[in-house]
Protein backbone atom coordinates (compact mmCIF):
# COMPACT_ATOMS: atom_id res chain seq x y z
CA MET A 1 62.02 76.59 98.05
CA SER A 2 59.24 75.66 95.67
CA THR A 3 59.64 72.74 93.27
CA GLU A 4 56.83 74.00 91.02
CA PRO A 5 59.26 75.59 88.52
CA LEU A 6 60.93 72.19 88.11
CA PHE A 7 57.54 70.61 87.40
CA VAL A 8 56.85 73.21 84.70
CA LEU A 9 60.23 72.53 83.07
CA LEU A 10 59.58 68.77 83.07
CA GLU A 11 55.99 69.01 81.87
CA THR A 12 56.83 71.39 79.01
CA ALA A 13 59.86 69.30 77.97
CA THR A 14 62.15 72.28 78.54
CA LEU A 15 64.11 69.96 80.81
CA ARG A 16 64.52 66.45 79.47
CA VAL A 17 65.13 63.36 81.57
CA GLU A 18 67.07 60.84 79.52
CA SER A 19 68.56 57.38 79.82
CA MET A 20 66.69 54.27 80.88
CA LEU A 21 63.92 56.28 82.51
CA GLY A 22 62.06 56.63 79.20
CA GLU A 23 59.49 59.03 77.80
CA ALA A 24 57.07 58.81 80.73
CA ALA A 25 59.78 59.77 83.22
CA PRO A 26 58.98 63.51 83.49
CA ARG A 27 55.30 62.80 84.20
CA VAL A 28 55.97 60.01 86.67
CA ILE A 29 58.78 61.85 88.42
CA THR A 30 56.56 64.91 88.77
CA GLN A 31 53.76 62.74 90.22
CA HIS A 32 56.15 61.24 92.77
CA MET A 33 57.60 64.61 93.74
CA ARG A 34 54.14 66.12 94.20
CA ARG A 35 52.95 63.09 96.20
CA TRP A 36 55.91 63.32 98.56
CA ALA A 37 56.24 67.13 98.60
CA ASN A 38 55.90 67.18 102.39
CA VAL A 39 59.10 65.10 102.78
CA PRO A 40 60.27 66.70 100.25
CA MET A 41 61.35 64.32 97.50
CA SER A 42 64.25 65.39 95.30
CA LEU A 43 64.52 64.78 91.56
CA ALA A 44 67.20 62.15 92.25
CA ASP A 45 64.99 60.36 94.80
CA ALA A 46 62.02 60.38 92.42
CA SER A 47 64.20 58.92 89.67
CA LEU A 48 65.36 56.12 91.97
CA VAL A 49 61.78 55.33 92.99
CA LEU A 50 60.79 55.16 89.31
CA LEU A 51 63.72 52.85 88.52
CA HIS A 52 62.80 50.68 91.51
CA GLU A 53 59.21 50.41 90.25
CA ARG A 54 60.51 49.24 86.88
CA THR A 55 62.93 46.75 88.43
CA PRO A 56 61.11 45.53 91.56
CA ARG A 57 63.91 43.22 92.71
CA SER A 58 66.35 46.12 92.82
CA VAL A 59 67.74 47.57 96.02
CA VAL A 60 68.44 51.27 96.48
CA VAL A 61 71.71 51.85 98.31
CA THR A 62 71.28 55.08 100.24
CA PHE A 63 72.02 56.98 103.41
CA ASP A 64 68.77 58.93 102.91
CA SER A 65 66.22 58.03 105.59
CA ASP A 66 63.39 59.37 103.40
CA PHE A 67 63.36 56.07 101.52
CA GLY A 68 61.75 54.55 104.61
CA VAL A 69 58.75 56.79 103.89
CA TYR A 70 58.53 56.54 100.10
CA ARG A 71 56.28 53.94 98.49
CA THR A 72 55.82 52.72 94.95
CA LYS A 73 52.67 53.60 93.04
CA LYS A 74 51.28 50.25 94.26
CA GLY A 75 51.99 51.24 97.88
CA ARG A 76 54.96 48.93 98.35
CA PRO A 77 58.01 50.06 100.30
CA ILE A 78 61.26 50.74 98.45
CA HIS A 79 63.86 48.03 99.11
CA THR A 80 66.89 49.78 100.53
CA PHE A 81 70.32 49.01 101.92
CA THR A 82 72.14 51.46 104.14
CA PRO A 83 75.87 50.68 104.41
């Protein structure tokens, strides 16, 4: 399943990402999802990576092993906790 239609919706503001993610969220989320397309990264995962970049001391609580692969835009690993 291709994620390209999702990118088009985000880039054309047909689909809006709200809340604390801010105005740059669609662009940044799209960049993350394209970067990690081989994993593949979901919209939810990309949002969590963006939030983690904005709050570097945060910890993502997840059962998703993909977070061991993802990195911030500065190449740092995502701090995670798996219960």
